[in-house]
Full PDB file with SEQRES, HELIX, SHEET, SSBOND, CRYST1, ORIGX, SCALE, CONECT and MASTER records, all heavy atoms in Angstrom:
SEQRES   1 A   32  THR GLY TRP VAL ALA VAL ALA THR SER VAL VAL VAL PHE          
SEQRES   2 A   32  GLY MET GLY LEU SER ILE VAL TYR LEU PHE VAL PHE ASN          
SEQRES   3 A   32  ARG ARG ASN ARG ARG SER                                      
HELIX    1 AA1 GLY A    2  SER A    9  1                                   8    
HELIX    2 AA2 VAL A   10  MET A   15  3                                   6    
HELIX    3 AA3 GLY A   16  PHE A   25  1                                  10    
CRYST1    1.000    1.000    1.000  90.00  90.00  90.00 P 1           1          
ORIGX1      1.000000  0.000000  0.000000        0.00000                         
ORIGX2      0.000000  1.000000  0.000000        0.00000                         
ORIGX3      0.000000  0.000000  1.000000        0.00000                         
SCALE1      1.000000  0.000000  0.000000        0.00000                         
SCALE2      0.000000  1.000000  0.000000        0.00000                         
SCALE3      0.000000  0.000000  1.000000        0.00000                         
ATOM      1  N   THR A   1      57.946  48.599 157.024  1.00  0.00           N  
ATOM      2  CA  THR A   1      57.527  48.647 158.416  1.00  0.00           C  
ATOM      3  C   THR A   1      57.267  47.219 158.901  1.00  0.00           C  
ATOM      4  O   THR A   1      57.092  46.296 158.105  1.00  0.00           O  
ATOM      5  CB  THR A   1      56.243  49.485 158.592  1.00  0.00           C  
ATOM      6  OG1 THR A   1      55.209  48.921 157.760  1.00  0.00           O  
ATOM      7  CG2 THR A   1      56.474  50.932 158.185  1.00  0.00           C  
ATOM      8  N   GLY A   2      57.223  47.047 160.219  1.00  0.00           N  
ATOM      9  CA  GLY A   2      56.894  45.749 160.798  1.00  0.00           C  
ATOM     10  C   GLY A   2      57.841  44.660 160.355  1.00  0.00           C  
ATOM     11  O   GLY A   2      59.057  44.837 160.275  1.00  0.00           O  
ATOM     12  N   TRP A   3      57.272  43.519 160.020  1.00  0.00           N  
ATOM     13  CA  TRP A   3      58.063  42.347 159.679  1.00  0.00           C  
ATOM     14  C   TRP A   3      58.716  42.461 158.310  1.00  0.00           C  
ATOM     15  O   TRP A   3      59.712  41.771 158.038  1.00  0.00           O  
ATOM     16  CB  TRP A   3      57.196  41.098 159.752  1.00  0.00           C  
ATOM     17  CG  TRP A   3      56.842  40.754 161.160  1.00  0.00           C  
ATOM     18  CD1 TRP A   3      55.626  40.901 161.768  1.00  0.00           C  
ATOM     19  CD2 TRP A   3      57.735  40.243 162.164  1.00  0.00           C  
ATOM     20  NE1 TRP A   3      55.696  40.519 163.085  1.00  0.00           N  
ATOM     21  CE2 TRP A   3      56.980  40.103 163.362  1.00  0.00           C  
ATOM     22  CE3 TRP A   3      59.083  39.914 162.174  1.00  0.00           C  
ATOM     23  CZ2 TRP A   3      57.540  39.633 164.536  1.00  0.00           C  
ATOM     24  CZ3 TRP A   3      59.645  39.447 163.349  1.00  0.00           C  
ATOM     25  CH2 TRP A   3      58.883  39.304 164.508  1.00  0.00           C  
ATOM     26  N   VAL A   4      58.199  43.334 157.446  1.00  0.00           N  
ATOM     27  CA  VAL A   4      58.868  43.569 156.168  1.00  0.00           C  
ATOM     28  C   VAL A   4      60.225  44.218 156.407  1.00  0.00           C  
ATOM     29  O   VAL A   4      61.230  43.851 155.793  1.00  0.00           O  
ATOM     30  CB  VAL A   4      58.005  44.457 155.255  1.00  0.00           C  
ATOM     31  CG1 VAL A   4      58.758  44.797 153.964  1.00  0.00           C  
ATOM     32  CG2 VAL A   4      56.689  43.766 154.925  1.00  0.00           C  
ATOM     33  N   ALA A   5      60.269  45.172 157.325  1.00  0.00           N  
ATOM     34  CA  ALA A   5      61.541  45.816 157.662  1.00  0.00           C  
ATOM     35  C   ALA A   5      62.509  44.824 158.295  1.00  0.00           C  
ATOM     36  O   ALA A   5      63.713  44.841 158.015  1.00  0.00           O  
ATOM     37  CB  ALA A   5      61.299  46.988 158.614  1.00  0.00           C  
ATOM     38  N   VAL A   6      61.983  43.938 159.145  1.00  0.00           N  
ATOM     39  CA  VAL A   6      62.835  42.935 159.787  1.00  0.00           C  
ATOM     40  C   VAL A   6      63.390  41.964 158.756  1.00  0.00           C  
ATOM     41  O   VAL A   6      64.590  41.650 158.751  1.00  0.00           O  
ATOM     42  CB  VAL A   6      62.053  42.166 160.869  1.00  0.00           C  
ATOM     43  CG1 VAL A   6      62.897  41.034 161.449  1.00  0.00           C  
ATOM     44  CG2 VAL A   6      61.624  43.113 161.982  1.00  0.00           C  
ATOM     45  N   ALA A   7      62.527  41.489 157.842  1.00  0.00           N  
ATOM     46  CA  ALA A   7      62.971  40.549 156.811  1.00  0.00           C  
ATOM     47  C   ALA A   7      64.021  41.180 155.909  1.00  0.00           C  
ATOM     48  O   ALA A   7      65.022  40.546 155.553  1.00  0.00           O  
ATOM     49  CB  ALA A   7      61.777  40.077 155.988  1.00  0.00           C  
ATOM     50  N   THR A   8      63.813  42.448 155.549  1.00  0.00           N  
ATOM     51  CA  THR A   8      64.791  43.152 154.715  1.00  0.00           C  
ATOM     52  C   THR A   8      66.117  43.288 155.440  1.00  0.00           C  
ATOM     53  O   THR A   8      67.194  43.083 154.850  1.00  0.00           O  
ATOM     54  CB  THR A   8      64.261  44.545 154.338  1.00  0.00           C  
ATOM     55  OG1 THR A   8      63.007  44.403 153.659  1.00  0.00           O  
ATOM     56  CG2 THR A   8      65.247  45.273 153.438  1.00  0.00           C  
ATOM     57  N   SER A   9      66.067  43.625 156.720  1.00  0.00           N  
ATOM     58  CA  SER A   9      67.291  43.755 157.516  1.00  0.00           C  
ATOM     59  C   SER A   9      68.024  42.428 157.633  1.00  0.00           C  
ATOM     60  O   SER A   9      69.257  42.375 157.532  1.00  0.00           O  
ATOM     61  CB  SER A   9      66.950  44.286 158.916  1.00  0.00           C  
ATOM     62  OG  SER A   9      68.099  44.372 159.724  1.00  0.00           O  
ATOM     63  N   VAL A  10      67.283  41.343 157.813  1.00  0.00           N  
ATOM     64  CA  VAL A  10      67.911  40.022 157.935  1.00  0.00           C  
ATOM     65  C   VAL A  10      68.619  39.637 156.639  1.00  0.00           C  
ATOM     66  O   VAL A  10      69.755  39.149 156.659  1.00  0.00           O  
ATOM     67  CB  VAL A  10      66.857  38.957 158.315  1.00  0.00           C  
ATOM     68  CG1 VAL A  10      67.424  37.551 158.154  1.00  0.00           C  
ATOM     69  CG2 VAL A  10      66.392  39.169 159.750  1.00  0.00           C  
ATOM     70  N   VAL A  11      67.962  39.869 155.506  1.00  0.00           N  
ATOM     71  CA  VAL A  11      68.560  39.484 154.224  1.00  0.00           C  
ATOM     72  C   VAL A  11      69.764  40.362 153.901  1.00  0.00           C  
ATOM     73  O   VAL A  11      70.845  39.863 153.556  1.00  0.00           O  
ATOM     74  CB  VAL A  11      67.521  39.567 153.089  1.00  0.00           C  
ATOM     75  CG1 VAL A  11      68.189  39.339 151.737  1.00  0.00           C  
ATOM     76  CG2 VAL A  11      66.419  38.539 153.307  1.00  0.00           C  
ATOM     77  N   VAL A  12      69.587  41.691 154.011  1.00  0.00           N  
ATOM     78  CA  VAL A  12      70.650  42.608 153.595  1.00  0.00           C  
ATOM     79  C   VAL A  12      71.826  42.592 154.562  1.00  0.00           C  
ATOM     80  O   VAL A  12      72.988  42.468 154.155  1.00  0.00           O  
ATOM     81  CB  VAL A  12      70.092  44.039 153.444  1.00  0.00           C  
ATOM     82  CG1 VAL A  12      71.229  45.023 153.168  1.00  0.00           C  
ATOM     83  CG2 VAL A  12      69.068  44.086 152.323  1.00  0.00           C  
ATOM     84  N   PHE A  13      71.522  42.714 155.859  1.00  0.00           N  
ATOM     85  CA  PHE A  13      72.604  42.848 156.836  1.00  0.00           C  
ATOM     86  C   PHE A  13      72.993  41.510 157.461  1.00  0.00           C  
ATOM     87  O   PHE A  13      74.184  41.190 157.541  1.00  0.00           O  
ATOM     88  CB  PHE A  13      72.203  43.848 157.921  1.00  0.00           C  
ATOM     89  CG  PHE A  13      71.956  45.228 157.387  1.00  0.00           C  
ATOM     90  CD1 PHE A  13      70.671  45.729 157.303  1.00  0.00           C  
ATOM     91  CD2 PHE A  13      73.008  46.016 156.949  1.00  0.00           C  
ATOM     92  CE1 PHE A  13      70.436  46.995 156.804  1.00  0.00           C  
ATOM     93  CE2 PHE A  13      72.781  47.284 156.443  1.00  0.00           C  
ATOM     94  CZ  PHE A  13      71.485  47.780 156.374  1.00  0.00           C  
ATOM     95  N   GLY A  14      71.997  40.730 157.898  1.00  0.00           N  
ATOM     96  CA  GLY A  14      72.323  39.440 158.514  1.00  0.00           C  
ATOM     97  C   GLY A  14      73.027  38.508 157.548  1.00  0.00           C  
ATOM     98  O   GLY A  14      74.132  38.025 157.811  1.00  0.00           O  
ATOM     99  N   MET A  15      72.388  38.270 156.409  1.00  0.00           N  
ATOM    100  CA  MET A  15      72.987  37.378 155.412  1.00  0.00           C  
ATOM    101  C   MET A  15      74.201  38.010 154.752  1.00  0.00           C  
ATOM    102  O   MET A  15      75.245  37.364 154.576  1.00  0.00           O  
ATOM    103  CB  MET A  15      71.943  36.995 154.359  1.00  0.00           C  
ATOM    104  CG  MET A  15      70.844  36.084 154.864  1.00  0.00           C  
ATOM    105  SD  MET A  15      69.516  35.799 153.652  1.00  0.00           S  
ATOM    106  CE  MET A  15      70.431  35.139 152.275  1.00  0.00           C  
ATOM    107  N   GLY A  16      74.073  39.282 154.360  1.00  0.00           N  
ATOM    108  CA  GLY A  16      75.157  39.943 153.641  1.00  0.00           C  
ATOM    109  C   GLY A  16      76.448  40.012 154.437  1.00  0.00           C  
ATOM    110  O   GLY A  16      77.522  39.656 153.935  1.00  0.00           O  
ATOM    111  N   LEU A  17      76.365  40.449 155.688  1.00  0.00           N  
ATOM    112  CA  LEU A  17      77.572  40.550 156.514  1.00  0.00           C  
ATOM    113  C   LEU A  17      78.127  39.172 156.857  1.00  0.00           C  
ATOM    114  O   LEU A  17      79.351  38.997 156.950  1.00  0.00           O  
ATOM    115  CB  LEU A  17      77.265  41.334 157.793  1.00  0.00           C  
ATOM    116  CG  LEU A  17      76.939  42.819 157.600  1.00  0.00           C  
ATOM    117  CD1 LEU A  17      76.590  43.469 158.930  1.00  0.00           C  
ATOM    118  CD2 LEU A  17      78.115  43.559 156.949  1.00  0.00           C  
ATOM    119  N   SER A  18      77.260  38.188 157.045  1.00  0.00           N  
ATOM    120  CA  SER A  18      77.728  36.827 157.326  1.00  0.00           C  
ATOM    121  C   SER A  18      78.498  36.255 156.147  1.00  0.00           C  
ATOM    122  O   SER A  18      79.522  35.587 156.319  1.00  0.00           O  
ATOM    123  CB  SER A  18      76.542  35.919 157.671  1.00  0.00           C  
ATOM    124  OG  SER A  18      75.904  36.341 158.856  1.00  0.00           O  
ATOM    125  N   ILE A  19      78.014  36.513 154.927  1.00  0.00           N  
ATOM    126  CA  ILE A  19      78.708  36.029 153.728  1.00  0.00           C  
ATOM    127  C   ILE A  19      80.107  36.628 153.643  1.00  0.00           C  
ATOM    128  O   ILE A  19      81.098  35.926 153.413  1.00  0.00           O  
ATOM    129  CB  ILE A  19      77.890  36.375 152.464  1.00  0.00           C  
ATOM    130  CG1 ILE A  19      76.630  35.497 152.399  1.00  0.00           C  
ATOM    131  CG2 ILE A  19      78.728  36.184 151.202  1.00  0.00           C  
ATOM    132  CD1 ILE A  19      75.638  35.940 151.344  1.00  0.00           C  
ATOM    133  N   VAL A  20      80.203  37.945 153.850  1.00  0.00           N  
ATOM    134  CA  VAL A  20      81.511  38.611 153.776  1.00  0.00           C  
ATOM    135  C   VAL A  20      82.431  38.111 154.880  1.00  0.00           C  
ATOM    136  O   VAL A  20      83.611  37.813 154.644  1.00  0.00           O  
ATOM    137  CB  VAL A  20      81.338  40.137 153.855  1.00  0.00           C  
ATOM    138  CG1 VAL A  20      82.701  40.823 153.933  1.00  0.00           C  
ATOM    139  CG2 VAL A  20      80.557  40.651 152.651  1.00  0.00           C  
ATOM    140  N   TYR A  21      81.897  38.004 156.104  1.00  0.00           N  
ATOM    141  CA  TYR A  21      82.727  37.566 157.231  1.00  0.00           C  
ATOM    142  C   TYR A  21      83.300  36.169 157.000  1.00  0.00           C  
ATOM    143  O   TYR A  21      84.514  35.947 157.148  1.00  0.00           O  
ATOM    144  CB  TYR A  21      81.896  37.579 158.522  1.00  0.00           C  
ATOM    145  CG  TYR A  21      82.592  36.877 159.663  1.00  0.00           C  
ATOM    146  CD1 TYR A  21      83.597  37.506 160.388  1.00  0.00           C  
ATOM    147  CD2 TYR A  21      82.262  35.562 159.996  1.00  0.00           C  
ATOM    148  CE1 TYR A  21      84.261  36.845 161.413  1.00  0.00           C  
ATOM    149  CE2 TYR A  21      82.915  34.904 161.016  1.00  0.00           C  
ATOM    150  CZ  TYR A  21      83.917  35.544 161.717  1.00  0.00           C  
ATOM    151  OH  TYR A  21      84.579  34.877 162.721  1.00  0.00           O  
ATOM    152  N   LEU A  22      82.441  35.223 156.622  1.00  0.00           N  
ATOM    153  CA  LEU A  22      82.916  33.849 156.432  1.00  0.00           C  
ATOM    154  C   LEU A  22      83.856  33.744 155.244  1.00  0.00           C  
ATOM    155  O   LEU A  22      84.842  32.992 155.281  1.00  0.00           O  
ATOM    156  CB  LEU A  22      81.715  32.915 156.240  1.00  0.00           C  
ATOM    157  CG  LEU A  22      80.858  32.672 157.478  1.00  0.00           C  
ATOM    158  CD1 LEU A  22      79.568  31.944 157.109  1.00  0.00           C  
ATOM    159  CD2 LEU A  22      81.629  31.873 158.528  1.00  0.00           C  
ATOM    160  N   PHE A  23      83.580  34.482 154.194  1.00  0.00           N  
ATOM    161  CA  PHE A  23      84.439  34.421 153.009  1.00  0.00           C  
ATOM    162  C   PHE A  23      85.861  34.887 153.341  1.00  0.00           C  
ATOM    163  O   PHE A  23      86.844  34.340 152.827  1.00  0.00           O  
ATOM    164  CB  PHE A  23      83.855  35.278 151.899  1.00  0.00           C  
ATOM    165  CG  PHE A  23      84.608  35.197 150.603  1.00  0.00           C  
ATOM    166  CD1 PHE A  23      84.643  34.024 149.874  1.00  0.00           C  
ATOM    167  CD2 PHE A  23      85.286  36.297 150.109  1.00  0.00           C  
ATOM    168  CE1 PHE A  23      85.347  33.939 148.678  1.00  0.00           C  
ATOM    169  CE2 PHE A  23      85.996  36.222 148.914  1.00  0.00           C  
ATOM    170  CZ  PHE A  23      86.024  35.036 148.202  1.00  0.00           C  
ATOM    171  N   VAL A  24      85.981  35.875 154.223  1.00  0.00           N  
ATOM    172  CA  VAL A  24      87.290  36.420 154.571  1.00  0.00           C  
ATOM    173  C   VAL A  24      87.973  35.613 155.668  1.00  0.00           C  
ATOM    174  O   VAL A  24      89.173  35.316 155.581  1.00  0.00           O  
ATOM    175  CB  VAL A  24      87.160  37.893 155.003  1.00  0.00           C  
ATOM    176  CG1 VAL A  24      88.508  38.439 155.503  1.00  0.00           C  
ATOM    177  CG2 VAL A  24      86.659  38.747 153.839  1.00  0.00           C  
ATOM    178  N   PHE A  25      87.231  35.214 156.699  1.00  0.00           N  
ATOM    179  CA  PHE A  25      87.854  34.680 157.902  1.00  0.00           C  
ATOM    180  C   PHE A  25      87.761  33.162 158.059  1.00  0.00           C  
ATOM    181  O   PHE A  25      88.489  32.589 158.868  1.00  0.00           O  
ATOM    182  CB  PHE A  25      87.257  35.351 159.148  1.00  0.00           C  
ATOM    183  CG  PHE A  25      87.564  36.817 159.228  1.00  0.00           C  
ATOM    184  CD1 PHE A  25      86.589  37.755 158.956  1.00  0.00           C  
ATOM    185  CD2 PHE A  25      88.837  37.254 159.552  1.00  0.00           C  
ATOM    186  CE1 PHE A  25      86.872  39.115 159.020  1.00  0.00           C  
ATOM    187  CE2 PHE A  25      89.140  38.606 159.631  1.00  0.00           C  
ATOM    188  CZ  PHE A  25      88.149  39.541 159.359  1.00  0.00           C  
ATOM    189  N   ASN A  26      86.877  32.487 157.318  1.00  0.00           N  
ATOM    190  CA  ASN A  26      86.799  31.032 157.440  1.00  0.00           C  
ATOM    191  C   ASN A  26      87.887  30.401 156.579  1.00  0.00           C  
ATOM    192  O   ASN A  26      87.648  29.905 155.476  1.00  0.00           O  
ATOM    193  CB  ASN A  26      85.417  30.530 157.015  1.00  0.00           C  
ATOM    194  CG  ASN A  26      85.273  29.031 157.228  1.00  0.00           C  
ATOM    195  OD1 ASN A  26      86.075  28.401 157.933  1.00  0.00           O  
ATOM    196  ND2 ASN A  26      84.250  28.453 156.629  1.00  0.00           N  
ATOM    197  N   ARG A  27      89.104  30.380 157.080  1.00  0.00           N  
ATOM    198  CA  ARG A  27      90.266  29.945 156.294  1.00  0.00           C  
ATOM    199  C   ARG A  27      90.414  28.416 156.258  1.00  0.00           C  
ATOM    200  O   ARG A  27      91.157  27.897 155.436  1.00  0.00           O  
ATOM    201  CB  ARG A  27      91.524  30.585 156.874  1.00  0.00           C  
ATOM    202  CG  ARG A  27      91.475  32.108 156.867  1.00  0.00           C  
ATOM    203  CD  ARG A  27      92.720  32.708 157.460  1.00  0.00           C  
ATOM    204  NE  ARG A  27      93.897  32.367 156.662  1.00  0.00           N  
ATOM    205  CZ  ARG A  27      95.140  32.647 157.039  1.00  0.00           C  
ATOM    206  NH1 ARG A  27      95.360  33.247 158.205  1.00  0.00           N  
ATOM    207  NH2 ARG A  27      96.160  32.310 156.260  1.00  0.00           N  
ATOM    208  N   ARG A  28      89.736  27.703 157.121  1.00  0.00           N  
ATOM    209  CA  ARG A  28      89.897  26.242 157.146  1.00  0.00           C  
ATOM    210  C   ARG A  28      89.353  25.591 155.886  1.00  0.00           C  
ATOM    211  O   ARG A  28      89.978  24.696 155.321  1.00  0.00           O  
ATOM    212  CB  ARG A  28      89.192  25.650 158.371  1.00  0.00           C  
ATOM    213  CG  ARG A  28      89.902  25.898 159.688  1.00  0.00           C  
ATOM    214  CD  ARG A  28      89.196  25.141 160.787  1.00  0.00           C  
ATOM    215  NE  ARG A  28      89.852  25.322 162.084  1.00  0.00           N  
ATOM    216  CZ  ARG A  28      89.433  24.755 163.218  1.00  0.00           C  
ATOM    217  NH1 ARG A  28      88.346  23.981 163.202  1.00  0.00           N  
ATOM    218  NH2 ARG A  28      90.076  24.970 164.344  1.00  0.00           N  
ATOM    219  N   ASN A  29      88.176  26.029 155.460  1.00  0.00           N  
ATOM    220  CA  ASN A  29      87.580  25.397 154.281  1.00  0.00           C  
ATOM    221  C   ASN A  29      86.975  26.411 153.300  1.00  0.00           C  
ATOM    222  O   ASN A  29      86.400  26.016 152.295  1.00  0.00           O  
ATOM    223  CB  ASN A  29      86.509  24.378 154.695  1.00  0.00           C  
ATOM    224  CG  ASN A  29      85.465  24.989 155.630  1.00  0.00           C  
ATOM    225  OD1 ASN A  29      85.122  26.166 155.519  1.00  0.00           O  
ATOM    226  ND2 ASN A  29      84.965  24.186 156.554  1.00  0.00           N  
ATOM    227  N   ARG A  30      87.119  27.706 153.616  1.00  0.00           N  
ATOM    228  CA  ARG A  30      86.653  28.781 152.738  1.00  0.00           C  
ATOM    229  C   ARG A  30      85.175  28.677 152.395  1.00  0.00           C  
ATOM    230  O   ARG A  30      84.735  29.164 151.340  1.00  0.00           O  
ATOM    231  CB  ARG A  30      87.479  28.820 151.444  1.00  0.00           C  
ATOM    232  CG  ARG A  30      88.908  29.274 151.647  1.00  0.00           C  
ATOM    233  CD  ARG A  30      88.977  30.681 152.177  1.00  0.00           C  
ATOM    234  NE  ARG A  30      90.351  31.125 152.417  1.00  0.00           N  
ATOM    235  CZ  ARG A  30      90.684  32.233 153.039  1.00  0.00           C  
ATOM    236  NH1 ARG A  30      89.731  33.029 153.497  1.00  0.00           N  
ATOM    237  NH2 ARG A  30      91.936  32.561 153.233  1.00  0.00           N  
ATOM    238  N   ARG A  31      84.398  28.071 153.267  1.00  0.00           N  
ATOM    239  CA  ARG A  31      82.962  27.979 153.021  1.00  0.00           C  
ATOM    240  C   ARG A  31      82.280  29.223 153.587  1.00  0.00           C  
ATOM    241  O   ARG A  31      82.426  29.539 154.765  1.00  0.00           O  
ATOM    242  CB  ARG A  31      82.360  26.727 153.662  1.00  0.00           C  
ATOM    243  CG  ARG A  31      82.976  25.431 153.185  1.00  0.00           C  
ATOM    244  CD  ARG A  31      82.385  24.252 153.917  1.00  0.00           C  
ATOM    245  NE  ARG A  31      81.082  23.885 153.387  1.00  0.00           N  
ATOM    246  CZ  ARG A  31      80.247  23.047 154.005  1.00  0.00           C  
ATOM    247  NH1 ARG A  31      80.585  22.526 155.188  1.00  0.00           N  
ATOM    248  NH2 ARG A  31      79.098  22.724 153.457  1.00  0.00           N  
ATOM    249  N   SER A  32      81.543  29.904 152.739  1.00  0.00           N  
ATOM    250  CA  SER A  32      80.766  31.039 153.213  1.00  0.00           C  
ATOM    251  C   SER A  32      79.336  30.582 153.490  1.00  0.00           C  
ATOM    252  O   SER A  32      79.023  29.389 153.423  1.00  0.00           O  
ATOM    253  CB  SER A  32      80.788  32.162 152.186  1.00  0.00           C  
ATOM    254  OG  SER A  32      80.279  33.360 152.758  1.00  0.00           O  
TER     255      SER A  32                                                      
MASTER        0    0    0    3    0    0    0    6  254    1    0    3          
END                                                                             
């Protein structure tokens, strides 16, 4: 609940989806 739920969402979804997106689509330097 509260900020614990927000922090969990940021780590799991914010960071997780960003890692996958950059790994697949950042073709210039493949930096995730």
